Full PDB file with SEQRES, HELIX, SHEET, SSBOND, CRYST1, ORIGX, SCALE, CONECT and MASTER records, all heavy atoms in Angstrom:
SEQRES   1 A   33  LEU TRP ALA ASP ASP PHE GLN LYS LEU GLN VAL ILE PRO          
SEQRES   2 A   33  LEU MET VAL VAL THR PRO LEU THR PHE LEU GLY GLY ALA          
SEQRES   3 A   33  PHE TYR SER ILE GLY MET LEU                                  
HELIX    1 AA1 PHE A    6  ILE A   12  1                                   7    
HELIX    2 AA2 PRO A   13  VAL A   17  3                                   5    
HELIX    3 AA3 THR A   18  PHE A   22  1                                   5    
HELIX    4 AA4 ILE A   30  MET A   32  5                                   3    
CRYST1    1.000    1.000    1.000  90.00  90.00  90.00 P 1           1          
ORIGX1      1.000000  0.000000  0.000000        0.00000                         
ORIGX2      0.000000  1.000000  0.000000        0.00000                         
ORIGX3      0.000000  0.000000  1.000000        0.00000                         
SCALE1      1.000000  0.000000  0.000000        0.00000                         
SCALE2      0.000000  1.000000  0.000000        0.00000                         
SCALE3      0.000000  0.000000  1.000000        0.00000                         
ATOM      1  N   LEU A   1      13.745  -1.569  11.050  1.00  0.00           N  
ATOM      2  CA  LEU A   1      14.345  -2.488  12.021  1.00  0.00           C  
ATOM      3  C   LEU A   1      14.183  -3.944  11.587  1.00  0.00           C  
ATOM      4  O   LEU A   1      15.058  -4.782  11.826  1.00  0.00           O  
ATOM      5  CB  LEU A   1      13.709  -2.283  13.399  1.00  0.00           C  
ATOM      6  CG  LEU A   1      13.962  -0.937  14.083  1.00  0.00           C  
ATOM      7  CD1 LEU A   1      13.195  -0.854  15.390  1.00  0.00           C  
ATOM      8  CD2 LEU A   1      15.444  -0.716  14.336  1.00  0.00           C  
ATOM      9  N   TRP A   2      13.066  -4.239  10.951  1.00  0.00           N  
ATOM     10  CA  TRP A   2      12.783  -5.609  10.523  1.00  0.00           C  
ATOM     11  C   TRP A   2      13.589  -6.018   9.294  1.00  0.00           C  
ATOM     12  O   TRP A   2      14.050  -7.155   9.189  1.00  0.00           O  
ATOM     13  CB  TRP A   2      11.286  -5.739  10.239  1.00  0.00           C  
ATOM     14  CG  TRP A   2      10.915  -6.932   9.416  1.00  0.00           C  
ATOM     15  CD1 TRP A   2      10.845  -8.236   9.821  1.00  0.00           C  
ATOM     16  CD2 TRP A   2      10.564  -6.936   8.017  1.00  0.00           C  
ATOM     17  NE1 TRP A   2      10.467  -9.045   8.776  1.00  0.00           N  
ATOM     18  CE2 TRP A   2      10.290  -8.280   7.656  1.00  0.00           C  
ATOM     19  CE3 TRP A   2      10.449  -5.939   7.041  1.00  0.00           C  
ATOM     20  CZ2 TRP A   2       9.911  -8.639   6.371  1.00  0.00           C  
ATOM     21  CZ3 TRP A   2      10.079  -6.285   5.758  1.00  0.00           C  
ATOM     22  CH2 TRP A   2       9.806  -7.622   5.442  1.00  0.00           C  
ATOM     23  N   ALA A   3      13.786  -5.096   8.363  1.00  0.00           N  
ATOM     24  CA  ALA A   3      14.416  -5.425   7.083  1.00  0.00           C  
ATOM     25  C   ALA A   3      15.888  -5.788   7.265  1.00  0.00           C  
ATOM     26  O   ALA A   3      16.588  -5.179   8.082  1.00  0.00           O  
ATOM     27  CB  ALA A   3      14.291  -4.247   6.124  1.00  0.00           C  
ATOM     28  N   ASP A   4      16.335  -6.771   6.498  1.00  0.00           N  
ATOM     29  CA  ASP A   4      17.758  -7.111   6.497  1.00  0.00           C  
ATOM     30  C   ASP A   4      18.367  -7.010   5.098  1.00  0.00           C  
ATOM     31  O   ASP A   4      19.483  -7.458   4.878  1.00  0.00           O  
ATOM     32  CB  ASP A   4      18.000  -8.515   7.086  1.00  0.00           C  
ATOM     33  CG  ASP A   4      17.037  -9.552   6.552  1.00  0.00           C  
ATOM     34  OD1 ASP A   4      16.612  -9.410   5.385  1.00  0.00           O  
ATOM     35  OD2 ASP A   4      16.689 -10.483   7.295  1.00  0.00           O  
ATOM     36  N   ASP A   5      17.647  -6.413   4.169  1.00  0.00           N  
ATOM     37  CA  ASP A   5      18.216  -6.040   2.873  1.00  0.00           C  
ATOM     38  C   ASP A   5      17.366  -4.914   2.298  1.00  0.00           C  
ATOM     39  O   ASP A   5      16.267  -4.629   2.769  1.00  0.00           O  
ATOM     40  CB  ASP A   5      18.298  -7.223   1.910  1.00  0.00           C  
ATOM     41  CG  ASP A   5      16.944  -7.867   1.640  1.00  0.00           C  
ATOM     42  OD1 ASP A   5      15.995  -7.140   1.268  1.00  0.00           O  
ATOM     43  OD2 ASP A   5      16.817  -9.092   1.834  1.00  0.00           O  
ATOM     44  N   PHE A   6      17.898  -4.251   1.270  1.00  0.00           N  
ATOM     45  CA  PHE A   6      17.217  -3.083   0.714  1.00  0.00           C  
ATOM     46  C   PHE A   6      15.896  -3.444   0.045  1.00  0.00           C  
ATOM     47  O   PHE A   6      14.982  -2.623  -0.008  1.00  0.00           O  
ATOM     48  CB  PHE A   6      18.139  -2.372  -0.285  1.00  0.00           C  
ATOM     49  CG  PHE A   6      19.209  -1.539   0.359  1.00  0.00           C  
ATOM     50  CD1 PHE A   6      20.494  -2.024   0.501  1.00  0.00           C  
ATOM     51  CD2 PHE A   6      18.921  -0.276   0.849  1.00  0.00           C  
ATOM     52  CE1 PHE A   6      21.475  -1.265   1.101  1.00  0.00           C  
ATOM     53  CE2 PHE A   6      19.898   0.500   1.450  1.00  0.00           C  
ATOM     54  CZ  PHE A   6      21.188   0.002   1.581  1.00  0.00           C  
ATOM     55  N   GLN A   7      15.790  -4.640  -0.474  1.00  0.00           N  
ATOM     56  CA  GLN A   7      14.550  -5.040  -1.140  1.00  0.00           C  
ATOM     57  C   GLN A   7      13.382  -5.084  -0.168  1.00  0.00           C  
ATOM     58  O   GLN A   7      12.262  -4.708  -0.523  1.00  0.00           O  
ATOM     59  CB  GLN A   7      14.734  -6.402  -1.806  1.00  0.00           C  
ATOM     60  CG  GLN A   7      15.648  -6.377  -3.015  1.00  0.00           C  
ATOM     61  CD  GLN A   7      15.763  -7.731  -3.692  1.00  0.00           C  
ATOM     62  OE1 GLN A   7      15.363  -8.740  -3.136  1.00  0.00           O  
ATOM     63  NE2 GLN A   7      16.295  -7.744  -4.897  1.00  0.00           N  
ATOM     64  N   LYS A   8      13.638  -5.522   1.057  1.00  0.00           N  
ATOM     65  CA  LYS A   8      12.569  -5.612   2.044  1.00  0.00           C  
ATOM     66  C   LYS A   8      12.041  -4.248   2.450  1.00  0.00           C  
ATOM     67  O   LYS A   8      10.907  -4.145   2.934  1.00  0.00           O  
ATOM     68  CB  LYS A   8      13.047  -6.379   3.273  1.00  0.00           C  
ATOM     69  CG  LYS A   8      13.173  -7.878   3.060  1.00  0.00           C  
ATOM     70  CD  LYS A   8      13.465  -8.596   4.357  1.00  0.00           C  
ATOM     71  CE  LYS A   8      13.524 -10.102   4.153  1.00  0.00           C  
ATOM     72  NZ  LYS A   8      13.801 -10.817   5.424  1.00  0.00           N  
ATOM     73  N   LEU A   9      12.843  -3.212   2.262  1.00  0.00           N  
ATOM     74  CA  LEU A   9      12.371  -1.863   2.590  1.00  0.00           C  
ATOM     75  C   LEU A   9      11.203  -1.450   1.701  1.00  0.00           C  
ATOM     76  O   LEU A   9      10.374  -0.626   2.085  1.00  0.00           O  
ATOM     77  CB  LEU A   9      13.510  -0.849   2.438  1.00  0.00           C  
ATOM     78  CG  LEU A   9      14.669  -0.921   3.431  1.00  0.00           C  
ATOM     79  CD1 LEU A   9      15.701   0.144   3.098  1.00  0.00           C  
ATOM     80  CD2 LEU A   9      14.181  -0.755   4.863  1.00  0.00           C  
ATOM     81  N   GLN A  10      11.148  -2.026   0.483  1.00  0.00           N  
ATOM     82  CA  GLN A  10      10.129  -1.623  -0.479  1.00  0.00           C  
ATOM     83  C   GLN A  10       8.949  -2.589  -0.558  1.00  0.00           C  
ATOM     84  O   GLN A  10       7.953  -2.283  -1.205  1.00  0.00           O  
ATOM     85  CB  GLN A  10      10.767  -1.497  -1.876  1.00  0.00           C  
ATOM     86  CG  GLN A  10      11.865  -0.476  -1.961  1.00  0.00           C  
ATOM     87  CD  GLN A  10      11.377   0.922  -1.627  1.00  0.00           C  
ATOM     88  OE1 GLN A  10      10.273   1.304  -1.994  1.00  0.00           O  
ATOM     89  NE2 GLN A  10      12.195   1.681  -0.929  1.00  0.00           N  
ATOM     90  N   VAL A  11       9.066  -3.738   0.087  1.00  0.00           N  
ATOM     91  CA  VAL A  11       8.028  -4.761  -0.053  1.00  0.00           C  
ATOM     92  C   VAL A  11       6.686  -4.272   0.464  1.00  0.00           C  
ATOM     93  O   VAL A  11       5.663  -4.309  -0.238  1.00  0.00           O  
ATOM     94  CB  VAL A  11       8.439  -6.061   0.667  1.00  0.00           C  
ATOM     95  CG1 VAL A  11       7.254  -7.011   0.762  1.00  0.00           C  
ATOM     96  CG2 VAL A  11       9.587  -6.734  -0.063  1.00  0.00           C  
ATOM     97  N   ILE A  12       6.652  -3.796   1.715  1.00  0.00           N  
ATOM     98  CA  ILE A  12       5.375  -3.394   2.313  1.00  0.00           C  
ATOM     99  C   ILE A  12       4.812  -2.125   1.672  1.00  0.00           C  
ATOM    100  O   ILE A  12       3.616  -2.067   1.360  1.00  0.00           O  
ATOM    101  CB  ILE A  12       5.517  -3.251   3.839  1.00  0.00           C  
ATOM    102  CG1 ILE A  12       5.803  -4.634   4.450  1.00  0.00           C  
ATOM    103  CG2 ILE A  12       4.265  -2.629   4.452  1.00  0.00           C  
ATOM    104  CD1 ILE A  12       5.964  -4.644   5.941  1.00  0.00           C  
ATOM    105  N   PRO A  13       5.637  -1.069   1.429  1.00  0.00           N  
ATOM    106  CA  PRO A  13       5.059   0.101   0.745  1.00  0.00           C  
ATOM    107  C   PRO A  13       4.479  -0.224  -0.629  1.00  0.00           C  
ATOM    108  O   PRO A  13       3.405   0.267  -0.986  1.00  0.00           O  
ATOM    109  CB  PRO A  13       6.261   1.056   0.631  1.00  0.00           C  
ATOM    110  CG  PRO A  13       7.148   0.676   1.749  1.00  0.00           C  
ATOM    111  CD  PRO A  13       7.014  -0.812   1.886  1.00  0.00           C  
ATOM    112  N   LEU A  14       5.171  -1.049  -1.419  1.00  0.00           N  
ATOM    113  CA  LEU A  14       4.723  -1.323  -2.783  1.00  0.00           C  
ATOM    114  C   LEU A  14       3.629  -2.381  -2.850  1.00  0.00           C  
ATOM    115  O   LEU A  14       2.688  -2.267  -3.642  1.00  0.00           O  
ATOM    116  CB  LEU A  14       5.914  -1.764  -3.646  1.00  0.00           C  
ATOM    117  CG  LEU A  14       6.961  -0.693  -3.957  1.00  0.00           C  
ATOM    118  CD1 LEU A  14       8.103  -1.290  -4.770  1.00  0.00           C  
ATOM    119  CD2 LEU A  14       6.349   0.491  -4.682  1.00  0.00           C  
ATOM    120  N   MET A  15       3.755  -3.413  -2.016  1.00  0.00           N  
ATOM    121  CA  MET A  15       2.842  -4.551  -2.113  1.00  0.00           C  
ATOM    122  C   MET A  15       1.624  -4.448  -1.197  1.00  0.00           C  
ATOM    123  O   MET A  15       0.634  -5.144  -1.410  1.00  0.00           O  
ATOM    124  CB  MET A  15       3.596  -5.848  -1.796  1.00  0.00           C  
ATOM    125  CG  MET A  15       4.785  -6.115  -2.713  1.00  0.00           C  
ATOM    126  SD  MET A  15       4.306  -6.330  -4.438  1.00  0.00           S  
ATOM    127  CE  MET A  15       3.436  -7.884  -4.334  1.00  0.00           C  
ATOM    128  N   VAL A  16       1.708  -3.595  -0.183  1.00  0.00           N  
ATOM    129  CA  VAL A  16       0.609  -3.512   0.785  1.00  0.00           C  
ATOM    130  C   VAL A  16       0.013  -2.104   0.843  1.00  0.00           C  
ATOM    131  O   VAL A  16      -1.186  -1.904   0.596  1.00  0.00           O  
ATOM    132  CB  VAL A  16       1.077  -3.947   2.188  1.00  0.00           C  
ATOM    133  CG1 VAL A  16      -0.078  -3.826   3.182  1.00  0.00           C  
ATOM    134  CG2 VAL A  16       1.612  -5.375   2.165  1.00  0.00           C  
ATOM    135  N   VAL A  17       0.840  -1.107   1.170  1.00  0.00           N  
ATOM    136  CA  VAL A  17       0.319   0.238   1.433  1.00  0.00           C  
ATOM    137  C   VAL A  17      -0.257   0.882   0.185  1.00  0.00           C  
ATOM    138  O   VAL A  17      -1.371   1.438   0.211  1.00  0.00           O  
ATOM    139  CB  VAL A  17       1.425   1.128   2.050  1.00  0.00           C  
ATOM    140  CG1 VAL A  17       0.913   2.552   2.223  1.00  0.00           C  
ATOM    141  CG2 VAL A  17       1.871   0.566   3.393  1.00  0.00           C  
ATOM    142  N   THR A  18       0.472   0.834  -0.933  1.00  0.00           N  
ATOM    143  CA  THR A  18      -0.029   1.461  -2.162  1.00  0.00           C  
ATOM    144  C   THR A  18      -1.340   0.846  -2.646  1.00  0.00           C  
ATOM    145  O   THR A  18      -2.295   1.574  -2.943  1.00  0.00           O  
ATOM    146  CB  THR A  18       1.035   1.409  -3.272  1.00  0.00           C  
ATOM    147  OG1 THR A  18       2.194   2.134  -2.851  1.00  0.00           O  
ATOM    148  CG2 THR A  18       0.503   2.021  -4.561  1.00  0.00           C  
ATOM    149  N   PRO A  19      -1.462  -0.494  -2.725  1.00  0.00           N  
ATOM    150  CA  PRO A  19      -2.766  -1.074  -3.108  1.00  0.00           C  
ATOM    151  C   PRO A  19      -3.890  -0.698  -2.149  1.00  0.00           C  
ATOM    152  O   PRO A  19      -5.013  -0.408  -2.589  1.00  0.00           O  
ATOM    153  CB  PRO A  19      -2.496  -2.585  -3.085  1.00  0.00           C  
ATOM    154  CG  PRO A  19      -1.039  -2.717  -3.313  1.00  0.00           C  
ATOM    155  CD  PRO A  19      -0.427  -1.547  -2.628  1.00  0.00           C  
ATOM    156  N   LEU A  20      -3.606  -0.702  -0.835  1.00  0.00           N  
ATOM    157  CA  LEU A  20      -4.640  -0.340   0.130  1.00  0.00           C  
ATOM    158  C   LEU A  20      -5.078   1.112  -0.049  1.00  0.00           C  
ATOM    159  O   LEU A  20      -6.248   1.448   0.146  1.00  0.00           O  
ATOM    160  CB  LEU A  20      -4.135  -0.557   1.556  1.00  0.00           C  
ATOM    161  CG  LEU A  20      -4.018  -2.014   2.030  1.00  0.00           C  
ATOM    162  CD1 LEU A  20      -3.485  -2.060   3.457  1.00  0.00           C  
ATOM    163  CD2 LEU A  20      -5.358  -2.730   1.957  1.00  0.00           C  
ATOM    164  N   THR A  21      -4.135   1.979  -0.431  1.00  0.00           N  
ATOM    165  CA  THR A  21      -4.474   3.388  -0.648  1.00  0.00           C  
ATOM    166  C   THR A  21      -5.356   3.544  -1.878  1.00  0.00           C  
ATOM    167  O   THR A  21      -6.356   4.275  -1.864  1.00  0.00           O  
ATOM    168  CB  THR A  21      -3.198   4.227  -0.798  1.00  0.00           C  
ATOM    169  OG1 THR A  21      -2.350   4.028   0.340  1.00  0.00           O  
ATOM    170  CG2 THR A  21      -3.545   5.709  -0.900  1.00  0.00           C  
ATOM    171  N   PHE A  22      -5.012   2.862  -2.969  1.00  0.00           N  
ATOM    172  CA  PHE A  22      -5.836   2.929  -4.180  1.00  0.00           C  
ATOM    173  C   PHE A  22      -7.228   2.359  -3.934  1.00  0.00           C  
ATOM    174  O   PHE A  22      -8.213   2.834  -4.506  1.00  0.00           O  
ATOM    175  CB  PHE A  22      -5.155   2.176  -5.319  1.00  0.00           C  
ATOM    176  CG  PHE A  22      -4.134   2.988  -6.062  1.00  0.00           C  
ATOM    177  CD1 PHE A  22      -2.791   2.910  -5.740  1.00  0.00           C  
ATOM    178  CD2 PHE A  22      -4.518   3.846  -7.076  1.00  0.00           C  
ATOM    179  CE1 PHE A  22      -1.855   3.659  -6.417  1.00  0.00           C  
ATOM    180  CE2 PHE A  22      -3.586   4.614  -7.763  1.00  0.00           C  
ATOM    181  CZ  PHE A  22      -2.251   4.518  -7.425  1.00  0.00           C  
ATOM    182  N   LEU A  23      -7.309   1.331  -3.083  1.00  0.00           N  
ATOM    183  CA  LEU A  23      -8.597   0.711  -2.785  1.00  0.00           C  
ATOM    184  C   LEU A  23      -9.290   1.367  -1.591  1.00  0.00           C  
ATOM    185  O   LEU A  23     -10.368   0.928  -1.194  1.00  0.00           O  
ATOM    186  CB  LEU A  23      -8.401  -0.783  -2.495  1.00  0.00           C  
ATOM    187  CG  LEU A  23      -7.868  -1.622  -3.667  1.00  0.00           C  
ATOM    188  CD1 LEU A  23      -7.550  -3.037  -3.199  1.00  0.00           C  
ATOM    189  CD2 LEU A  23      -8.858  -1.641  -4.818  1.00  0.00           C  
ATOM    190  N   GLY A  24      -8.661   2.388  -1.021  1.00  0.00           N  
ATOM    191  CA  GLY A  24      -9.198   3.022   0.184  1.00  0.00           C  
ATOM    192  C   GLY A  24      -9.967   4.300  -0.061  1.00  0.00           C  
ATOM    193  O   GLY A  24     -10.218   5.061   0.879  1.00  0.00           O  
ATOM    194  N   GLY A  25     -10.315   4.565  -1.312  1.00  0.00           N  
ATOM    195  CA  GLY A  25     -11.112   5.749  -1.612  1.00  0.00           C  
ATOM    196  C   GLY A  25     -10.299   6.958  -2.024  1.00  0.00           C  
ATOM    197  O   GLY A  25     -10.797   8.079  -1.948  1.00  0.00           O  
ATOM    198  N   ALA A  26      -9.045   6.747  -2.466  1.00  0.00           N  
ATOM    199  CA  ALA A  26      -8.240   7.877  -2.909  1.00  0.00           C  
ATOM    200  C   ALA A  26      -8.847   8.545  -4.140  1.00  0.00           C  
ATOM    201  O   ALA A  26      -8.804   9.761  -4.292  1.00  0.00           O  
ATOM    202  CB  ALA A  26      -6.806   7.426  -3.209  1.00  0.00           C  
ATOM    203  N   PHE A  27      -9.438   7.730  -5.035  1.00  0.00           N  
ATOM    204  CA  PHE A  27      -9.976   8.259  -6.287  1.00  0.00           C  
ATOM    205  C   PHE A  27     -11.485   8.146  -6.384  1.00  0.00           C  
ATOM    206  O   PHE A  27     -12.059   8.469  -7.416  1.00  0.00           O  
ATOM    207  CB  PHE A  27      -9.336   7.526  -7.474  1.00  0.00           C  
ATOM    208  CG  PHE A  27      -7.858   7.743  -7.581  1.00  0.00           C  
ATOM    209  CD1 PHE A  27      -6.965   6.812  -7.099  1.00  0.00           C  
ATOM    210  CD2 PHE A  27      -7.362   8.897  -8.155  1.00  0.00           C  
ATOM    211  CE1 PHE A  27      -5.602   7.010  -7.185  1.00  0.00           C  
ATOM    212  CE2 PHE A  27      -5.994   9.113  -8.259  1.00  0.00           C  
ATOM    213  CZ  PHE A  27      -5.111   8.170  -7.770  1.00  0.00           C  
ATOM    214  N   TYR A  28     -12.127   7.661  -5.340  1.00  0.00           N  
ATOM    215  CA  TYR A  28     -13.582   7.500  -5.386  1.00  0.00           C  
ATOM    216  C   TYR A  28     -14.117   7.446  -3.957  1.00  0.00           C  
ATOM    217  O   TYR A  28     -13.366   7.256  -3.001  1.00  0.00           O  
ATOM    218  CB  TYR A  28     -13.965   6.218  -6.131  1.00  0.00           C  
ATOM    219  CG  TYR A  28     -13.382   4.965  -5.524  1.00  0.00           C  
ATOM    220  CD1 TYR A  28     -14.040   4.268  -4.510  1.00  0.00           C  
ATOM    221  CD2 TYR A  28     -12.153   4.470  -5.952  1.00  0.00           C  
ATOM    222  CE1 TYR A  28     -13.506   3.133  -3.935  1.00  0.00           C  
ATOM    223  CE2 TYR A  28     -11.600   3.333  -5.384  1.00  0.00           C  
ATOM    224  CZ  TYR A  28     -12.279   2.675  -4.386  1.00  0.00           C  
ATOM    225  OH  TYR A  28     -11.730   1.554  -3.819  1.00  0.00           O  
ATOM    226  N   SER A  29     -15.410   7.612  -3.830  1.00  0.00           N  
ATOM    227  CA  SER A  29     -16.085   7.437  -2.546  1.00  0.00           C  
ATOM    228  C   SER A  29     -16.522   5.989  -2.423  1.00  0.00           C  
ATOM    229  O   SER A  29     -17.046   5.416  -3.389  1.00  0.00           O  
ATOM    230  CB  SER A  29     -17.302   8.362  -2.451  1.00  0.00           C  
ATOM    231  OG  SER A  29     -18.102   8.023  -1.337  1.00  0.00           O  
ATOM    232  N   ILE A  30     -16.319   5.388  -1.263  1.00  0.00           N  
ATOM    233  CA  ILE A  30     -16.738   3.994  -1.112  1.00  0.00           C  
ATOM    234  C   ILE A  30     -18.255   3.867  -1.172  1.00  0.00           C  
ATOM    235  O   ILE A  30     -18.784   2.771  -1.345  1.00  0.00           O  
ATOM    236  CB  ILE A  30     -16.187   3.365   0.182  1.00  0.00           C  
ATOM    237  CG1 ILE A  30     -16.762   4.066   1.419  1.00  0.00           C  
ATOM    238  CG2 ILE A  30     -14.671   3.397   0.200  1.00  0.00           C  
ATOM    239  CD1 ILE A  30     -16.415   3.343   2.722  1.00  0.00           C  
ATOM    240  N   GLY A  31     -18.963   4.997  -1.042  1.00  0.00           N  
ATOM    241  CA  GLY A  31     -20.406   4.981  -1.209  1.00  0.00           C  
ATOM    242  C   GLY A  31     -20.828   4.677  -2.636  1.00  0.00           C  
ATOM    243  O   GLY A  31     -21.993   4.355  -2.885  1.00  0.00           O  
ATOM    244  N   MET A  32     -19.884   4.757  -3.581  1.00  0.00           N  
ATOM    245  CA  MET A  32     -20.177   4.457  -4.979  1.00  0.00           C  
ATOM    246  C   MET A  32     -20.094   2.958  -5.247  1.00  0.00           C  
ATOM    247  O   MET A  32     -20.461   2.507  -6.326  1.00  0.00           O  
ATOM    248  CB  MET A  32     -19.180   5.203  -5.885  1.00  0.00           C  
ATOM    249  CG  MET A  32     -19.231   6.717  -5.728  1.00  0.00           C  
ATOM    250  SD  MET A  32     -17.806   7.555  -6.476  1.00  0.00           S  
ATOM    251  CE  MET A  32     -18.059   7.181  -8.198  1.00  0.00           C  
ATOM    252  N   LEU A  33     -19.596   2.185  -4.273  1.00  0.00           N  
ATOM    253  CA  LEU A  33     -19.452   0.746  -4.446  1.00  0.00           C  
ATOM    254  C   LEU A  33     -20.762   0.029  -4.147  1.00  0.00           C  
ATOM    255  O   LEU A  33     -21.623   0.565  -3.444  1.00  0.00           O  
ATOM    256  CB  LEU A  33     -18.357   0.218  -3.510  1.00  0.00           C  
ATOM    257  CG  LEU A  33     -16.942   0.775  -3.693  1.00  0.00           C  
ATOM    258  CD1 LEU A  33     -16.036   0.267  -2.573  1.00  0.00           C  
ATOM    259  CD2 LEU A  33     -16.384   0.389  -5.048  1.00  0.00           C  
TER     260      LEU A  33                                                      
MASTER        0    0    0    4    0    0    0    6  259    1    0    3          
END                                                                             
């Protein structure tokens, strides 16, 4: 609903969600930090 072009559809998944997932313990336990 917010996006007004196709590029905006990918901004949040690529720039926000994917990095947060990689940093959210997908490949490690945060207890190792």
